[in-house]
Protein backbone atom coordinates (compact mmCIF):
# COMPACT_ATOMS: atom_id res chain seq x y z
CA MET A 1 4.05 -18.16 -14.40
CA VAL A 2 5.93 -15.76 -12.11
CA ASN A 3 9.47 -15.08 -13.32
CA PRO A 4 11.76 -17.04 -10.93
CA THR A 5 13.84 -13.93 -10.31
CA ARG A 6 10.72 -12.16 -9.01
CA VAL A 7 9.38 -14.93 -6.77
CA ILE A 8 8.45 -13.75 -3.27
CA ASN A 9 7.07 -16.02 -0.56
CA ASN A 10 6.49 -13.80 2.48
CA ILE A 11 6.25 -10.01 2.60
CA TYR A 12 6.50 -8.14 5.91
CA GLU A 13 4.66 -4.79 5.88
CA ILE A 14 6.04 -2.02 8.08
CA ASN A 15 4.27 1.28 8.79
CA THR A 16 7.54 3.19 8.50
CA PRO A 17 7.03 6.27 10.73
CA VAL A 18 5.19 4.35 13.47
CA TYR A 19 7.78 1.57 13.41
CA LEU A 20 10.77 3.93 13.59
CA GLU A 21 9.13 5.98 16.35
CA LYS A 22 8.53 2.87 18.44
CA LEU A 23 12.08 1.63 17.93
CA SER A 24 13.40 5.06 18.89
CA ARG A 25 11.48 4.93 22.19
CA THR A 26 12.56 1.34 22.84
CA HIS A 27 16.24 2.11 22.26
CA ASP A 28 16.10 5.62 23.77
CA GLN A 29 17.74 7.09 20.69
CA ALA A 30 16.68 8.20 17.23
CA ILE A 31 16.38 5.20 14.92
CA THR A 32 16.34 5.89 11.19
CA LEU A 33 16.48 3.64 8.15
CA ALA A 34 20.26 3.30 8.25
CA THR A 35 20.38 2.58 11.99
CA LEU A 36 17.72 -0.12 12.03
CA PRO A 37 19.14 -2.68 14.48
CA ASP A 38 20.47 -5.91 13.02
CA ASP A 39 18.35 -7.80 15.56
CA GLU A 40 15.22 -6.39 13.92
CA ILE A 41 16.26 -7.51 10.45
CA ARG A 42 17.13 -10.95 11.79
CA ARG A 43 13.79 -11.15 13.62
CA ILE A 44 11.83 -10.44 10.46
CA ALA A 45 13.92 -12.84 8.37
CA SER A 46 13.47 -15.57 11.00
CA TYR A 47 9.76 -15.79 10.11
CA GLY A 48 10.62 -16.85 6.59
CA CYS A 49 10.14 -13.37 5.14
CA ASP A 50 12.00 -12.64 1.95
CA ALA A 51 10.73 -9.08 1.38
CA ILE A 52 10.00 -6.02 3.50
CA TRP A 53 7.43 -3.49 2.36
CA LEU A 54 8.27 -0.10 3.85
CA MET A 55 4.85 1.51 3.66
CA GLY A 56 4.83 5.31 3.72
CA VAL A 57 8.45 6.35 3.09
CA TRP A 58 7.62 9.15 0.63
CA LYS A 59 7.20 12.83 1.46
CA ARG A 60 3.71 13.55 2.72
CA SER A 61 1.60 16.59 2.10
CA PRO A 62 1.50 19.53 4.54
CA LEU A 63 -1.85 20.46 2.98
CA ALA A 64 -3.13 16.95 3.72
CA VAL A 65 -2.09 17.38 7.35
CA ASP A 66 -4.27 20.48 7.61
CA ILE A 67 -7.18 18.70 5.93
CA ALA A 68 -6.84 15.75 8.31
CA LEU A 69 -6.72 18.01 11.38
CA HIS A 70 -10.14 19.36 10.37
CA ASP A 71 -11.64 15.93 9.68
CA GLN A 72 -13.65 15.19 12.82
CA PRO A 73 -14.55 11.56 12.03
CA LEU A 74 -10.87 10.85 11.35
CA LEU A 75 -9.84 12.56 14.59
CA ASP A 76 -12.41 10.52 16.50
CA GLU A 77 -11.02 7.33 14.95
CA ILE A 78 -7.46 8.32 15.84
CA ARG A 79 -8.32 9.13 19.45
CA GLY A 80 -10.05 5.76 19.69
CA VAL A 81 -6.69 4.03 19.18
CA LEU A 82 -4.37 6.77 20.49
CA PRO A 83 -6.13 8.51 23.40
CA ASP A 84 -3.19 10.85 24.06
CA PHE A 85 -3.11 12.02 20.43
CA GLN A 86 -1.62 15.47 19.87
CA PRO A 87 -1.64 17.51 16.64
CA ILE A 88 2.09 16.84 16.24
CA ASP A 89 1.22 13.16 15.76
CA MET A 90 -0.64 14.02 12.57
CA ILE A 91 1.72 13.60 9.61
CA GLY A 92 -0.83 13.26 6.79
CA SER A 93 -1.88 10.22 4.82
CA ALA A 94 0.85 7.95 3.46
CA TYR A 95 -1.17 8.03 0.23
CA ALA A 96 -1.33 11.82 -0.11
CA ILE A 97 2.17 12.07 -1.56
CA SER A 98 3.69 15.46 -2.25
CA ALA A 99 6.89 14.06 -3.79
CA TYR A 100 8.45 10.67 -4.44
CA GLU A 101 11.36 11.56 -2.19
CA VAL A 102 12.24 9.67 0.99
CA GLU A 103 11.24 11.64 4.07
CA ASP A 104 14.23 13.35 5.67
CA ALA A 105 12.97 12.33 9.11
CA TYR A 106 13.47 8.67 8.18
CA GLY A 107 16.98 9.25 6.87
CA GLY A 108 16.39 10.28 3.28
CA GLU A 109 17.37 8.46 0.11
CA ALA A 110 20.97 7.80 1.15
CA GLU A 111 19.87 5.87 4.22
CA LEU A 112 17.28 3.91 2.23
CA VAL A 113 20.01 2.81 -0.16
CA ARG A 114 22.15 1.66 2.75
CA LEU A 115 19.24 -0.22 4.31
CA ARG A 116 18.46 -1.98 1.04
CA ALA A 117 22.02 -3.28 0.89
CA ARG A 118 21.78 -4.55 4.48
CA LEU A 119 18.45 -6.26 3.79
CA ALA A 120 19.98 -8.02 0.78
CA GLU A 121 22.60 -9.56 3.06
CA TYR A 122 19.73 -11.32 4.86
CA GLY A 123 18.02 -12.38 1.65
CA LEU A 124 15.35 -9.68 1.95
CA LYS A 125 14.02 -7.67 -0.98
CA LEU A 126 12.74 -4.13 -0.51
CA ILE A 127 9.22 -3.12 -1.61
CA LEU A 128 8.03 0.51 -1.70
CA ASP A 129 4.74 2.24 -2.54
CA PHE A 130 3.59 3.56 -5.88
CA VAL A 131 0.30 5.47 -5.95
CA PRO A 132 -0.82 5.72 -9.60
CA ASN A 133 -4.30 7.09 -9.09
CA HIS A 134 -3.62 10.38 -7.31
CA THR A 135 -1.21 12.83 -5.70
CA ALA A 136 -1.57 15.39 -2.96
CA PHE A 137 -2.89 18.77 -4.05
CA ASP A 138 0.50 20.32 -3.22
CA HIS A 139 2.47 17.97 -5.45
CA ASN A 140 4.45 20.12 -7.89
CA TRP A 141 2.63 18.56 -10.86
CA ILE A 142 -0.46 20.56 -9.87
CA THR A 143 1.25 23.69 -11.16
CA SER A 144 3.93 22.35 -13.50
CA HIS A 145 1.91 19.62 -15.24
CA SER A 146 -1.77 20.18 -14.63
CA GLU A 147 -2.45 18.21 -17.84
CA TYR A 148 -1.76 15.02 -15.85
CA TYR A 149 -4.99 15.49 -13.87
CA VAL A 150 -8.72 15.04 -14.38
CA PHE A 151 -10.55 18.33 -14.76
CA GLY A 152 -14.15 19.17 -14.02
CA THR A 153 -16.41 21.94 -15.23
CA ASP A 154 -18.16 24.58 -13.19
CA THR A 155 -21.29 22.44 -13.46
CA ASP A 156 -19.43 19.40 -12.14
CA SER A 157 -18.18 21.28 -9.11
CA VAL A 158 -21.66 22.61 -8.36
CA GLU A 159 -23.29 19.18 -8.71
CA HIS A 160 -20.53 17.40 -6.74
CA PRO A 161 -18.77 20.01 -4.58
CA MET A 162 -16.89 17.35 -2.59
CA TRP A 163 -15.43 15.86 -5.76
CA TYR A 164 -13.59 18.92 -7.08
CA THR A 165 -11.24 21.65 -5.86
CA ASP A 166 -10.55 24.95 -7.60
CA ILE A 167 -6.81 25.44 -7.46
CA HIS A 168 -4.46 27.66 -9.44
CA GLY A 169 -7.22 28.50 -11.88
CA ASN A 170 -8.19 24.88 -12.56
CA THR A 171 -11.06 22.74 -11.33
CA ILE A 172 -9.31 19.48 -10.46
CA ALA A 173 -11.08 16.30 -9.43
CA HIS A 174 -10.41 14.56 -6.15
CA GLY A 175 -9.12 11.02 -6.23
CA ARG A 176 -12.01 8.62 -6.00
CA ASP A 177 -12.97 4.97 -5.76
CA PRO A 178 -16.33 4.92 -7.59
CA HIS A 179 -17.94 2.98 -4.75
CA PHE A 180 -17.15 5.59 -2.10
CA ASP A 181 -16.93 9.31 -1.46
CA ALA A 182 -13.96 11.16 -2.93
CA TRP A 183 -10.79 11.33 -0.86
CA PRO A 184 -10.52 14.92 0.43
CA ASP A 185 -6.72 15.21 0.37
CA VAL A 186 -5.74 13.98 -3.10
CA ALA A 187 -6.06 15.03 -6.75
CA GLN A 188 -7.15 12.57 -9.44
CA LEU A 189 -4.58 11.68 -12.11
CA ASN A 190 -5.69 10.89 -15.65
CA ALA A 191 -4.90 7.30 -16.59
CA PHE A 192 -5.85 8.04 -20.21
CA ALA A 193 -3.39 10.92 -20.65
CA GLU A 194 -0.31 9.87 -22.61
CA SER A 195 1.72 12.54 -20.83
CA TYR A 196 0.79 11.12 -17.43
CA ARG A 197 1.59 7.57 -18.51
CA GLN A 198 5.09 8.76 -19.44
CA ALA A 199 5.36 10.58 -16.09
CA SER A 200 4.42 7.33 -14.35
CA ILE A 201 7.19 5.53 -16.24
CA ASP A 202 9.68 8.22 -15.28
CA THR A 203 8.58 8.11 -11.64
CA LEU A 204 8.77 4.33 -11.48
CA THR A 205 12.18 4.31 -13.16
CA SER A 206 13.41 6.48 -10.29
CA ILE A 207 11.69 4.32 -7.67
CA ALA A 208 13.09 1.14 -9.24
CA SER A 209 16.61 2.41 -8.64
CA LEU A 210 15.90 2.32 -4.90
CA CYS A 211 14.06 -0.98 -4.39
CA ASP A 212 13.18 -4.39 -5.78
CA GLY A 213 9.47 -3.89 -6.34
CA VAL A 214 6.41 -1.76 -5.71
CA ARG A 215 3.03 -2.29 -4.12
CA CYS A 216 0.67 -0.33 -6.36
CA ASP A 217 -2.16 1.34 -4.49
CA MET A 218 -5.71 0.69 -5.80
CA ALA A 219 -4.27 -0.69 -9.02
CA MET A 220 -7.61 -1.71 -10.56
CA LEU A 221 -8.74 1.94 -10.71
CA MET A 222 -6.29 2.50 -13.59
CA THR A 223 -7.67 -0.14 -15.94
CA ASN A 224 -9.39 1.28 -19.00
CA ASP A 225 -12.81 -0.16 -18.15
CA VAL A 226 -12.86 1.07 -14.54
CA PHE A 227 -11.38 4.47 -15.36
CA ALA A 228 -13.87 5.01 -18.17
CA GLN A 229 -16.77 4.09 -15.89
CA THR A 230 -15.52 6.49 -13.22
CA TRP A 231 -14.27 9.43 -15.30
CA GLY A 232 -15.32 8.83 -18.91
CA LYS A 233 -17.45 11.97 -19.02
CA GLN A 234 -14.44 14.09 -18.05
CA VAL A 235 -11.65 12.33 -19.98
CA GLY A 236 -13.27 10.89 -23.10
CA ALA A 237 -12.58 7.60 -24.82
CA ALA A 238 -10.02 5.11 -23.58
CA PRO A 239 -6.71 4.79 -25.44
CA ALA A 240 -5.91 1.65 -27.41
CA THR A 241 -3.56 0.29 -24.76
CA GLU A 242 -3.90 -0.28 -21.02
CA TYR A 243 -2.12 1.97 -18.52
CA TRP A 244 -0.48 -0.96 -16.73
CA GLN A 245 0.63 -2.69 -19.91
CA ASP A 246 2.39 0.49 -21.02
CA VAL A 247 3.94 1.26 -17.65
CA ILE A 248 5.03 -2.24 -16.62
CA ALA A 249 6.48 -3.05 -20.05
CA ALA A 250 8.55 0.13 -19.99
CA ILE A 251 10.03 -0.65 -16.58
CA ARG A 252 10.66 -4.30 -17.39
CA ALA A 253 12.49 -3.32 -20.59
CA HIS A 254 15.27 -1.99 -18.35
CA ASN A 255 14.74 -4.05 -15.18
CA LYS A 256 13.27 -7.48 -15.87
CA ASP A 257 13.58 -8.49 -12.22
CA PHE A 258 11.43 -5.66 -10.83
CA THR A 259 8.33 -6.92 -9.00
CA PHE A 260 4.84 -5.41 -9.35
CA ILE A 261 2.25 -6.09 -6.63
CA ALA A 262 -1.34 -4.88 -7.03
CA GLU A 263 -3.74 -3.83 -4.33
CA CYS A 264 -6.77 -5.27 -6.09
CA TYR A 265 -10.47 -5.73 -5.38
CA TRP A 266 -13.67 -6.59 -7.30
CA ASN A 267 -12.38 -9.95 -8.57
CA MET A 268 -10.02 -8.21 -11.01
CA GLN A 269 -6.91 -10.22 -10.21
CA ALA A 270 -6.80 -12.06 -13.55
CA THR A 271 -7.17 -8.77 -15.44
CA LEU A 272 -4.21 -7.19 -13.67
CA ILE A 273 -2.06 -10.32 -13.89
CA ASN A 274 -2.68 -10.37 -17.63
CA GLN A 275 -1.56 -6.74 -17.75
CA GLY A 276 1.78 -7.61 -16.15
CA PHE A 277 1.45 -7.83 -12.37
CA ASP A 278 3.34 -10.54 -10.52
CA TYR A 279 1.01 -10.61 -7.53
CA CYS A 280 -2.46 -9.35 -6.61
CA TYR A 281 -4.28 -9.14 -3.30
CA ASP A 282 -6.74 -12.00 -2.73
CA LYS A 283 -9.33 -10.03 -0.78
CA ASP A 284 -12.06 -12.59 -1.45
CA MET A 285 -10.03 -15.26 0.33
CA TYR A 286 -9.57 -12.93 3.29
CA ASP A 287 -13.32 -12.28 3.47
CA PHE A 288 -14.11 -16.02 3.37
CA LEU A 289 -11.67 -16.69 6.21
CA VAL A 290 -13.08 -13.85 8.31
CA ALA A 291 -16.53 -15.39 7.82
CA GLY A 292 -15.16 -18.81 8.74
CA ASP A 293 -16.39 -20.18 5.43
CA ILE A 294 -13.68 -22.69 4.54
CA GLU A 295 -15.94 -24.33 1.95
CA ALA A 296 -16.22 -21.04 0.04
CA ALA A 297 -12.49 -20.51 0.46
CA GLN A 298 -11.81 -23.89 -1.11
CA THR A 299 -14.14 -23.11 -3.99
CA GLN A 300 -12.20 -19.88 -4.48
CA VAL A 301 -8.97 -21.88 -4.67
CA GLU A 302 -10.42 -24.19 -7.29
CA THR A 303 -11.87 -21.42 -9.46
CA GLN A 304 -8.65 -19.37 -9.30
CA SER A 305 -6.26 -22.26 -9.95
CA ALA A 306 -4.95 -20.74 -13.18
CA ILE A 307 -3.60 -17.70 -11.31
CA ALA A 308 -3.03 -19.31 -7.90
CA GLU A 309 0.70 -18.58 -7.71
CA HIS A 310 0.00 -14.88 -8.32
CA LEU A 311 -2.47 -14.39 -5.43
CA LEU A 312 -1.22 -12.62 -2.30
CA HIS A 313 -2.91 -13.88 0.87
CA PHE A 314 -3.22 -12.05 4.17
CA LEU A 315 -5.01 -12.07 7.51
CA GLU A 316 -4.48 -8.34 8.04
CA ASN A 317 -2.78 -5.32 6.54
CA HIS A 318 -2.94 -1.58 7.20
CA ASP A 319 -6.38 -1.34 5.54
CA GLU A 320 -7.98 -4.24 7.45
CA PRO A 321 -8.71 -4.74 11.16
CA ARG A 322 -6.06 -6.49 13.18
CA ALA A 323 -6.30 -10.28 12.89
CA ALA A 324 -6.22 -10.61 16.69
CA ARG A 325 -9.35 -8.49 16.83
CA VAL A 326 -11.16 -10.34 14.04
CA PHE A 327 -10.38 -13.97 14.93
CA ASP A 328 -10.50 -15.83 18.22
CA ILE A 329 -7.39 -17.92 18.79
CA ASN A 330 -8.81 -21.10 17.28
CA ALA A 331 -10.17 -19.38 14.16
CA HIS A 332 -6.89 -17.45 13.92
CA ARG A 333 -4.89 -20.68 13.95
CA THR A 334 -7.19 -22.27 11.35
CA ALA A 335 -6.93 -19.25 9.03
CA LEU A 336 -3.16 -19.05 9.47
CA HIS A 337 -2.56 -22.66 8.55
CA TYR A 338 -5.01 -22.42 5.68
CA ILE A 339 -3.20 -19.57 3.95
CA LEU A 340 0.11 -21.33 4.58
CA SER A 341 -1.25 -24.28 2.60
CA LEU A 342 -2.06 -22.18 -0.46
CA PRO A 343 0.09 -21.43 -3.51
CA GLY A 344 1.25 -17.86 -3.82
CA PRO A 345 2.90 -15.51 -1.31
CA ARG A 346 1.66 -14.22 2.04
CA LEU A 347 1.58 -10.68 3.41
CA TRP A 348 2.28 -10.21 7.12
CA HIS A 349 1.81 -6.93 9.00
CA ASP A 350 4.10 -5.50 11.68
CA GLY A 351 2.52 -6.29 15.05
CA GLN A 352 0.53 -9.23 13.70
CA PHE A 353 2.94 -11.78 15.16
CA GLU A 354 2.55 -10.12 18.57
CA GLY A 355 -1.25 -10.08 18.47
CA TYR A 356 -1.67 -6.30 18.43
CA GLN A 357 -5.31 -5.28 18.21
CA LYS A 358 -5.42 -1.60 17.27
CA LYS A 359 -5.72 -0.66 13.61
CA LEU A 360 -3.89 2.61 13.02
CA PRO A 361 -4.99 5.21 10.49
CA VAL A 362 -2.19 5.87 7.99
CA HIS A 363 -2.27 9.56 8.90
CA ILE A 364 -0.38 9.34 12.22
CA GLY A 365 3.27 8.94 13.06
CA ARG A 366 2.91 7.29 16.44
CA GLY A 367 1.04 4.27 17.73
CA PRO A 368 0.00 3.16 21.20
CA ASN A 369 1.93 0.77 23.38
CA GLU A 370 0.31 -2.65 23.10
CA PRO A 371 1.09 -5.82 25.03
CA THR A 372 2.16 -8.99 23.27
CA ASP A 373 -0.41 -11.78 23.29
CA GLU A 374 1.81 -14.73 24.16
CA ASP A 375 -0.59 -17.33 22.75
CA ILE A 376 -0.63 -15.60 19.38
CA ALA A 377 3.12 -14.98 19.45
CA THR A 378 3.74 -18.67 20.14
CA MET A 379 1.34 -19.67 17.36
CA TYR A 380 3.25 -17.60 14.78
CA ARG A 381 6.65 -18.72 16.03
CA ASP A 382 5.64 -22.36 15.79
CA ALA A 383 4.15 -21.90 12.32
CA LEU A 384 6.75 -19.66 10.70
CA GLN A 385 10.05 -19.38 12.51
CA HIS A 386 13.04 -21.38 11.41
């Protein structure tokens, strides 16, 4: 059972740089975290949201910007949603973090602290990102604590040249989901290294002083079984304990109210909940709803009843296509009311209530102007606003 002090019902995800840039244009003045208009906070709270996830507040990697500017498929994708894209719009992936420090352009740590206090006045918790699996290649750990990372041999880098980078005399692996190609802009951290587990605890202790919870990127990659299958040849046998059990227990020892949310795939929700997570993505439910298979969705509900209150439901997020693009209005309404009927919290995405259709890569700091779809806006107001 979720600790009552950590219960969340509706999370509102904001792509921080894109959101602040749009508000700045709308108000014809620079809007930062501390100057977020009260009307915006009230608008979000009016939909029954009790938490805001500020996605992408941490310092991004200049090296990742350069890598992205030479990634032609990525550039083609960006120009497909932002035809007037300019190189200045490229700010690097939100998940190629060079430091867990709030970007100065958004107002820095002091302004985040002030915003958190304002959100609390409206009954809103603050969620931030934690990326356990990797850092940017220009994170200072690359030189100061290279032992935190997964290393390859000369043979590894010859056999898989896209999986490794030679840097500062070391051959360091790229971050990787075992089902896909390696990510070009990030370095793989070693979930089995005791020193890195302690660094994770230290990092999260700092993050926990600024917010009420974290959304943990690709959380299932850090479990012993998955990490061993992906990197066992390079890192050896798994330790006796699980990464998440060690890390979450250490944070909860000092902050029992801190919320952990897992981005989770491959039907591993129960595993991560047992390791301490409050909530896990329910991607299977999303896929059933996209397919219009309510029968399969209901079967999912029945088979997952033991962990139902821990499952986070969504119709879109920054990794998925916009709901207005995926569903026609009738299917959209059906899916919306279905997830509202389920136990567990919901995740809403900035622009979803307006029916925006363009999915933005997390590498850019500006989005296009999109019109509001009044039918969709009315649907969400009727279903959620109070």
